[in-house]
């Protein structure tokens, strides 16, 4: 790291890195949960229409719930 970074710049950088890590963790969890729920057979070269719809709905519900939970935690602080 550049030693000329001041405390506020360092804090901003750390917050950005923490947010990136949280997004990556959320994507990994979303992928795992929705894959296990929606892909019930050995996947072929592309998803069936029901698998595709399930994955889309699962991802949307997961993101909606994550947003609700995040807002709830923010209101508690």
PDB file of N, CA and C in Angstrom:
ATOM      1  N   UNK A   1       0.828  -1.181   0.000  1.00  0.00           N
ATOM      2  CA  UNK A   1       0.000   0.000   0.000  1.00  0.00           C
ATOM      3  C   UNK A   1       0.872   1.244   0.000  1.00  0.00           C
ATOM      4  N   UNK A   2       0.360   2.264  -0.559  1.00  0.00           N
ATOM      5  CA  UNK A   2       1.048   3.538  -0.623  1.00  0.00           C
ATOM      6  C   UNK A   2       1.073   4.179   0.768  1.00  0.00           C
ATOM      7  N   UNK A   3       2.255   4.471   1.310  1.00  0.00           N
ATOM      8  CA  UNK A   3       2.328   5.046   2.657  1.00  0.00           C
ATOM      9  C   UNK A   3       1.722   6.442   2.743  1.00  0.00           C
ATOM     10  N   UNK A   4       1.463   7.074   1.599  1.00  0.00           N
ATOM     11  CA  UNK A   4       0.899   8.421   1.625  1.00  0.00           C
ATOM     12  C   UNK A   4      -0.624   8.410   1.811  1.00  0.00           C
ATOM     13  N   UNK A   5      -1.232   7.229   1.810  1.00  0.00           N
ATOM     14  CA  UNK A   5      -2.676   7.160   2.033  1.00  0.00           C
ATOM     15  C   UNK A   5      -2.994   7.634   3.441  1.00  0.00           C
ATOM     16  N   UNK A   6      -3.991   8.502   3.549  1.00  0.00           N
ATOM     17  CA  UNK A   6      -4.366   8.943   4.889  1.00  0.00           C
ATOM     18  C   UNK A   6      -5.422   8.007   5.461  1.00  0.00           C
ATOM     19  N   UNK A   7      -5.778   8.239   6.671  1.00  0.00           N
ATOM     20  CA  UNK A   7      -6.682   7.350   7.404  1.00  0.00           C
ATOM     21  C   UNK A   7      -8.049   7.221   6.735  1.00  0.00           C
ATOM     22  N   UNK A   8      -8.598   8.324   6.255  1.00  0.00           N
ATOM     23  CA  UNK A   8      -9.922   8.260   5.628  1.00  0.00           C
ATOM     24  C   UNK A   8      -9.879   7.502   4.301  1.00  0.00           C
ATOM     25  N   UNK A   9      -8.798   7.676   3.549  1.00  0.00           N
ATOM     26  CA  UNK A   9      -8.656   6.936   2.288  1.00  0.00           C
ATOM     27  C   UNK A   9      -8.508   5.450   2.558  1.00  0.00           C
ATOM     28  N   UNK A  10      -7.734   5.130   3.588  1.00  0.00           N
ATOM     29  CA  UNK A  10      -7.538   3.732   3.956  1.00  0.00           C
ATOM     30  C   UNK A  10      -8.862   3.116   4.407  1.00  0.00           C
ATOM     31  N   UNK A  11      -9.610   3.834   5.205  1.00  0.00           N
ATOM     32  CA  UNK A  11     -10.902   3.340   5.681  1.00  0.00           C
ATOM     33  C   UNK A  11     -11.865   3.136   4.511  1.00  0.00           C
ATOM     34  N   UNK A  12     -11.884   4.068   3.571  1.00  0.00           N
ATOM     35  CA  UNK A  12     -12.746   3.954   2.389  1.00  0.00           C
ATOM     36  C   UNK A  12     -12.350   2.724   1.569  1.00  0.00           C
ATOM     37  N   UNK A  13     -11.041   2.533   1.390  1.00  0.00           N
ATOM     38  CA  UNK A  13     -10.552   1.368   0.655  1.00  0.00           C
ATOM     39  C   UNK A  13     -10.966   0.072   1.350  1.00  0.00           C
ATOM     40  N   UNK A  14     -10.791   0.010   2.663  1.00  0.00           N
ATOM     41  CA  UNK A  14     -11.163  -1.192   3.409  1.00  0.00           C
ATOM     42  C   UNK A  14     -12.662  -1.464   3.325  1.00  0.00           C
ATOM     43  N   UNK A  15     -13.466  -0.424   3.394  1.00  0.00           N
ATOM     44  CA  UNK A  15     -14.916  -0.587   3.270  1.00  0.00           C
ATOM     45  C   UNK A  15     -15.296  -1.112   1.890  1.00  0.00           C
ATOM     46  N   UNK A  16     -14.639  -0.602   0.852  1.00  0.00           N
ATOM     47  CA  UNK A  16     -14.917  -1.081  -0.504  1.00  0.00           C
ATOM     48  C   UNK A  16     -14.536  -2.548  -0.644  1.00  0.00           C
ATOM     49  N   UNK A  17     -13.405  -2.931  -0.088  1.00  0.00           N
ATOM     50  CA  UNK A  17     -12.978  -4.330  -0.159  1.00  0.00           C
ATOM     51  C   UNK A  17     -13.924  -5.236   0.621  1.00  0.00           C
ATOM     52  N   UNK A  18     -14.404  -4.751   1.759  1.00  0.00           N
ATOM     53  CA  UNK A  18     -15.352  -5.525   2.555  1.00  0.00           C
ATOM     54  C   UNK A  18     -16.666  -5.724   1.783  1.00  0.00           C
ATOM     55  N   UNK A  19     -17.123  -4.666   1.105  1.00  0.00           N
ATOM     56  CA  UNK A  19     -18.342  -4.767   0.298  1.00  0.00           C
ATOM     57  C   UNK A  19     -18.160  -5.756  -0.852  1.00  0.00           C
ATOM     58  N   UNK A  20     -17.001  -5.723  -1.497  1.00  0.00           N
ATOM     59  CA  UNK A  20     -16.722  -6.668  -2.584  1.00  0.00           C
ATOM     60  C   UNK A  20     -16.764  -8.106  -2.070  1.00  0.00           C
ATOM     61  N   UNK A  21     -16.166  -8.324  -0.904  1.00  0.00           N
ATOM     62  CA  UNK A  21     -16.154  -9.664  -0.323  1.00  0.00           C
ATOM     63  C   UNK A  21     -17.566 -10.123   0.010  1.00  0.00           C
ATOM     64  N   UNK A  22     -18.389  -9.226   0.515  1.00  0.00           N
ATOM     65  CA  UNK A  22     -19.777  -9.581   0.846  1.00  0.00           C
ATOM     66  C   UNK A  22     -20.562  -9.925  -0.413  1.00  0.00           C
ATOM     67  N   UNK A  23     -20.362  -9.171  -1.477  1.00  0.00           N
ATOM     68  CA  UNK A  23     -21.057  -9.459  -2.744  1.00  0.00           C
ATOM     69  C   UNK A  23     -20.611 -10.821  -3.273  1.00  0.00           C
ATOM     70  N   UNK A  24     -19.309 -11.088  -3.246  1.00  0.00           N
ATOM     71  CA  UNK A  24     -18.814 -12.384  -3.723  1.00  0.00           C
ATOM     72  C   UNK A  24     -19.378 -13.527  -2.896  1.00  0.00           C
ATOM     73  N   UNK A  25     -19.462 -13.336  -1.588  1.00  0.00           N
ATOM     74  CA  UNK A  25     -20.022 -14.366  -0.722  1.00  0.00           C
ATOM     75  C   UNK A  25     -21.501 -14.588  -1.023  1.00  0.00           C
ATOM     76  N   UNK A  26     -22.227 -13.492  -1.265  1.00  0.00           N
ATOM     77  CA  UNK A  26     -23.646 -13.603  -1.572  1.00  0.00           C
ATOM     78  C   UNK A  26     -23.862 -14.344  -2.891  1.00  0.00           C
ATOM     79  N   UNK A  27     -23.059 -14.038  -3.881  1.00  0.00           N
ATOM     80  CA  UNK A  27     -23.183 -14.706  -5.184  1.00  0.00           C
ATOM     81  C   UNK A  27     -22.885 -16.195  -5.044  1.00  0.00           C
ATOM     82  N   UNK A  28     -21.871 -16.544  -4.276  1.00  0.00           N
ATOM     83  CA  UNK A  28     -21.535 -17.954  -4.078  1.00  0.00           C
ATOM     84  C   UNK A  28     -22.669 -18.684  -3.370  1.00  0.00           C
ATOM     85  N   UNK A  29     -23.232 -18.071  -2.336  1.00  0.00           N
ATOM     86  CA  UNK A  29     -24.335 -18.684  -1.597  1.00  0.00           C
ATOM     87  C   UNK A  29     -25.563 -18.805  -2.493  1.00  0.00           C
ATOM     88  N   UNK A  30     -25.867 -17.756  -3.226  1.00  0.00           N
ATOM     89  CA  UNK A  30     -27.006 -17.760  -4.147  1.00  0.00           C
ATOM     90  C   UNK A  30     -26.853 -18.868  -5.172  1.00  0.00           C
ATOM     91  N   UNK A  31     -25.677 -18.999  -5.736  1.00  0.00           N
ATOM     92  CA  UNK A  31     -25.423 -20.028  -6.737  1.00  0.00           C
ATOM     93  C   UNK A  31     -25.645 -21.417  -6.152  1.00  0.00           C
ATOM     94  N   UNK A  32     -25.117 -21.639  -4.984  1.00  0.00           N
ATOM     95  CA  UNK A  32     -25.234 -22.947  -4.342  1.00  0.00           C
ATOM     96  C   UNK A  32     -26.684 -23.284  -4.006  1.00  0.00           C
ATOM     97  N   UNK A  33     -27.366 -22.350  -3.359  1.00  0.00           N
ATOM     98  CA  UNK A  33     -28.749 -22.597  -2.931  1.00  0.00           C
ATOM     99  C   UNK A  33     -29.662 -22.826  -4.136  1.00  0.00           C
ATOM    100  N   UNK A  34     -29.587 -21.950  -5.106  1.00  0.00           N
ATOM    101  CA  UNK A  34     -30.494 -22.056  -6.254  1.00  0.00           C
ATOM    102  C   UNK A  34     -30.152 -23.259  -7.134  1.00  0.00           C
ATOM    103  N   UNK A  35     -28.880 -23.575  -7.268  1.00  0.00           N
ATOM    104  CA  UNK A  35     -28.499 -24.755  -8.055  1.00  0.00           C
ATOM    105  C   UNK A  35     -29.087 -26.013  -7.418  1.00  0.00           C
ATOM    106  N   UNK A  36     -28.899 -26.145  -6.103  1.00  0.00           N
ATOM    107  CA  UNK A  36     -29.399 -27.331  -5.405  1.00  0.00           C
ATOM    108  C   UNK A  36     -30.923 -27.427  -5.481  1.00  0.00           C
ATOM    109  N   UNK A  37     -31.591 -26.296  -5.467  1.00  0.00           N
ATOM    110  CA  UNK A  37     -33.056 -26.281  -5.494  1.00  0.00           C
ATOM    111  C   UNK A  37     -33.609 -26.552  -6.894  1.00  0.00           C
ATOM    112  N   UNK A  38     -32.974 -26.007  -7.905  1.00  0.00           N
ATOM    113  CA  UNK A  38     -33.573 -25.985  -9.247  1.00  0.00           C
ATOM    114  C   UNK A  38     -33.033 -27.036 -10.216  1.00  0.00           C
ATOM    115  N   UNK A  39     -31.824 -27.471 -10.045  1.00  0.00           N
ATOM    116  CA  UNK A  39     -31.219 -28.424 -10.984  1.00  0.00           C
ATOM    117  C   UNK A  39     -31.284 -29.802 -10.339  1.00  0.00           C
ATOM    118  N   UNK A  40     -32.262 -30.579 -10.755  1.00  0.00           N
ATOM    119  CA  UNK A  40     -32.530 -31.864 -10.112  1.00  0.00           C
ATOM    120  C   UNK A  40     -31.976 -33.052 -10.890  1.00  0.00           C
ATOM    121  N   UNK A  41     -31.537 -32.809 -12.102  1.00  0.00           N
ATOM    122  CA  UNK A  41     -30.967 -33.906 -12.891  1.00  0.00           C
ATOM    123  C   UNK A  41     -29.607 -33.455 -13.420  1.00  0.00           C
ATOM    124  N   UNK A  42     -28.942 -34.343 -14.121  1.00  0.00           N
ATOM    125  CA  UNK A  42     -27.658 -33.986 -14.713  1.00  0.00           C
ATOM    126  C   UNK A  42     -27.894 -32.945 -15.801  1.00  0.00           C
ATOM    127  N   UNK A  43     -27.247 -31.785 -15.668  1.00  0.00           N
ATOM    128  CA  UNK A  43     -27.491 -30.732 -16.667  1.00  0.00           C
ATOM    129  C   UNK A  43     -26.911 -31.107 -18.024  1.00  0.00           C
ATOM    130  N   UNK A  44     -27.633 -30.709 -19.052  1.00  0.00           N
ATOM    131  CA  UNK A  44     -27.158 -30.913 -20.421  1.00  0.00           C
ATOM    132  C   UNK A  44     -26.396 -29.690 -20.881  1.00  0.00           C
ATOM    133  N   UNK A  45     -26.457 -29.425 -22.158  1.00  0.00           N
ATOM    134  CA  UNK A  45     -25.733 -28.280 -22.699  1.00  0.00           C
ATOM    135  C   UNK A  45     -26.435 -26.964 -22.392  1.00  0.00           C
ATOM    136  N   UNK A  46     -27.728 -27.031 -22.046  1.00  0.00           N
ATOM    137  CA  UNK A  46     -28.432 -25.828 -21.613  1.00  0.00           C
ATOM    138  C   UNK A  46     -29.551 -26.228 -20.657  1.00  0.00           C
ATOM    139  N   UNK A  47     -30.037 -25.245 -19.900  1.00  0.00           N
ATOM    140  CA  UNK A  47     -31.091 -25.505 -18.925  1.00  0.00           C
ATOM    141  C   UNK A  47     -32.432 -25.672 -19.615  1.00  0.00           C
ATOM    142  N   UNK A  48     -33.300 -26.496 -19.011  1.00  0.00           N
ATOM    143  CA  UNK A  48     -34.674 -26.594 -19.505  1.00  0.00           C
ATOM    144  C   UNK A  48     -35.387 -25.297 -19.135  1.00  0.00           C
ATOM    145  N   UNK A  49     -36.549 -25.083 -19.725  1.00  0.00           N
ATOM    146  CA  UNK A  49     -37.284 -23.853 -19.421  1.00  0.00           C
ATOM    147  C   UNK A  49     -37.713 -23.814 -17.959  1.00  0.00           C
ATOM    148  N   UNK A  50     -38.065 -24.955 -17.384  1.00  0.00           N
ATOM    149  CA  UNK A  50     -38.469 -24.967 -15.976  1.00  0.00           C
ATOM    150  C   UNK A  50     -37.263 -24.701 -15.066  1.00  0.00           C
ATOM    151  N   UNK A  51     -36.090 -25.248 -15.415  1.00  0.00           N
ATOM    152  CA  UNK A  51     -34.887 -24.982 -14.628  1.00  0.00           C
ATOM    153  C   UNK A  51     -34.512 -23.500 -14.704  1.00  0.00           C
ATOM    154  N   UNK A  52     -34.590 -22.952 -15.898  1.00  0.00           N
ATOM    155  CA  UNK A  52     -34.250 -21.550 -16.087  1.00  0.00           C
ATOM    156  C   UNK A  52     -35.190 -20.644 -15.292  1.00  0.00           C
ATOM    157  N   UNK A  53     -36.489 -20.935 -15.352  1.00  0.00           N
ATOM    158  CA  UNK A  53     -37.473 -20.144 -14.601  1.00  0.00           C
ATOM    159  C   UNK A  53     -37.240 -20.276 -13.099  1.00  0.00           C
ATOM    160  N   UNK A  54     -36.965 -21.496 -12.643  1.00  0.00           N
ATOM    161  CA  UNK A  54     -36.702 -21.732 -11.226  1.00  0.00           C
ATOM    162  C   UNK A  54     -35.475 -20.948 -10.769  1.00  0.00           C
ATOM    163  N   UNK A  55     -34.396 -20.995 -11.532  1.00  0.00           N
ATOM    164  CA  UNK A  55     -33.185 -20.269 -11.178  1.00  0.00           C
ATOM    165  C   UNK A  55     -33.440 -18.768 -11.105  1.00  0.00           C
ATOM    166  N   UNK A  56     -34.197 -18.259 -12.054  1.00  0.00           N
ATOM    167  CA  UNK A  56     -34.509 -16.827 -12.073  1.00  0.00           C
ATOM    168  C   UNK A  56     -35.325 -16.426 -10.845  1.00  0.00           C
ATOM    169  N   UNK A  57     -36.378 -17.194 -10.554  1.00  0.00           N
ATOM    170  CA  UNK A  57     -37.226 -16.887  -9.396  1.00  0.00           C
ATOM    171  C   UNK A  57     -36.458 -17.047  -8.087  1.00  0.00           C
ATOM    172  N   UNK A  58     -35.651 -18.077  -7.990  1.00  0.00           N
ATOM    173  CA  UNK A  58     -34.869 -18.323  -6.786  1.00  0.00           C
ATOM    174  C   UNK A  58     -33.904 -17.163  -6.544  1.00  0.00           C
ATOM    175  N   UNK A  59     -33.207 -16.742  -7.577  1.00  0.00           N
ATOM    176  CA  UNK A  59     -32.256 -15.644  -7.439  1.00  0.00           C
ATOM    177  C   UNK A  59     -32.972 -14.361  -7.024  1.00  0.00           C
ATOM    178  N   UNK A  60     -34.120 -14.097  -7.620  1.00  0.00           N
ATOM    179  CA  UNK A  60     -34.870 -12.881  -7.271  1.00  0.00           C
ATOM    180  C   UNK A  60     -35.334 -12.921  -5.819  1.00  0.00           C
ATOM    181  N   UNK A  61     -35.874 -14.054  -5.372  1.00  0.00           N
ATOM    182  CA  UNK A  61     -36.318 -14.176  -3.973  1.00  0.00           C
ATOM    183  C   UNK A  61     -35.141 -14.023  -3.020  1.00  0.00           C
ATOM    184  N   UNK A  62     -34.011 -14.617  -3.361  1.00  0.00           N
ATOM    185  CA  UNK A  62     -32.824 -14.534  -2.516  1.00  0.00           C
ATOM    186  C   UNK A  62     -32.366 -13.080  -2.389  1.00  0.00           C
ATOM    187  N   UNK A  63     -32.326 -12.370  -3.498  1.00  0.00           N
ATOM    188  CA  UNK A  63     -31.903 -10.968  -3.476  1.00  0.00           C
ATOM    189  C   UNK A  63     -32.908 -10.110  -2.704  1.00  0.00           C
ATOM    190  N   UNK A  64     -34.195 -10.367  -2.891  1.00  0.00           N
ATOM    191  CA  UNK A  64     -35.221  -9.619  -2.153  1.00  0.00           C
ATOM    192  C   UNK A  64     -35.062  -9.814  -0.650  1.00  0.00           C
ATOM    193  N   UNK A  65     -34.873 -11.057  -0.232  1.00  0.00           N
ATOM    194  CA  UNK A  65     -34.724 -11.337   1.203  1.00  0.00           C
ATOM    195  C   UNK A  65     -33.435 -10.741   1.748  1.00  0.00           C
ATOM    196  N   UNK A  66     -32.372 -10.781   0.992  1.00  0.00           N
ATOM    197  CA  UNK A  66     -31.109 -10.192   1.438  1.00  0.00           C
ATOM    198  C   UNK A  66     -31.268  -8.688   1.643  1.00  0.00           C
ATOM    199  N   UNK A  67     -31.988  -8.044   0.751  1.00  0.00           N
ATOM    200  CA  UNK A  67     -32.227  -6.606   0.866  1.00  0.00           C
ATOM    201  C   UNK A  67     -33.070  -6.293   2.095  1.00  0.00           C
ATOM    202  N   UNK A  68     -34.103  -7.086   2.337  1.00  0.00           N
ATOM    203  CA  UNK A  68     -34.954  -6.890   3.510  1.00  0.00           C
ATOM    204  C   UNK A  68     -34.134  -7.047   4.794  1.00  0.00           C
ATOM    205  N   UNK A  69     -33.318  -8.079   4.837  1.00  0.00           N
ATOM    206  CA  UNK A  69     -32.491  -8.323   6.022  1.00  0.00           C
ATOM    207  C   UNK A  69     -31.491  -7.182   6.222  1.00  0.00           C
ATOM    208  N   UNK A  70     -30.857  -6.733   5.148  1.00  0.00           N
ATOM    209  CA  UNK A  70     -29.886  -5.655   5.241  1.00  0.00           C
ATOM    210  C   UNK A  70     -30.556  -4.370   5.750  1.00  0.00           C
ATOM    211  N   UNK A  71     -31.738  -4.055   5.232  1.00  0.00           N
ATOM    212  CA  UNK A  71     -32.456  -2.864   5.686  1.00  0.00           C
ATOM    213  C   UNK A  71     -32.837  -2.979   7.154  1.00  0.00           C
ATOM    214  N   UNK A  72     -33.213  -4.166   7.563  1.00  0.00           N
ATOM    215  CA  UNK A  72     -33.576  -4.392   8.960  1.00  0.00           C
ATOM    216  C   UNK A  72     -32.376  -4.158   9.886  1.00  0.00           C
ATOM    217  N   UNK A  73     -31.212  -4.692   9.506  1.00  0.00           N
ATOM    218  CA  UNK A  73     -30.006  -4.478  10.306  1.00  0.00           C
ATOM    219  C   UNK A  73     -29.622  -3.002  10.350  1.00  0.00           C
ATOM    220  N   UNK A  74     -29.763  -2.319   9.218  1.00  0.00           N
ATOM    221  CA  UNK A  74     -29.423  -0.890   9.176  1.00  0.00           C
ATOM    222  C   UNK A  74     -30.351  -0.081  10.091  1.00  0.00           C
ATOM    223  N   UNK A  75     -31.627  -0.460  10.157  1.00  0.00           N
ATOM    224  CA  UNK A  75     -32.571   0.282  11.002  1.00  0.00           C
ATOM    225  C   UNK A  75     -32.312   0.019  12.487  1.00  0.00           C
ATOM    226  N   UNK A  76     -31.636  -1.068  12.821  1.00  0.00           N
ATOM    227  CA  UNK A  76     -31.340  -1.400  14.211  1.00  0.00           C
ATOM    228  C   UNK A  76     -30.122  -0.627  14.722  1.00  0.00           C
ATOM    229  N   UNK A  77     -29.298  -0.109  13.820  1.00  0.00           N
ATOM    230  CA  UNK A  77     -28.069   0.578  14.251  1.00  0.00           C
ATOM    231  C   UNK A  77     -28.319   1.991  14.651  1.00  0.00           C
TER     232      UNK A  77
END
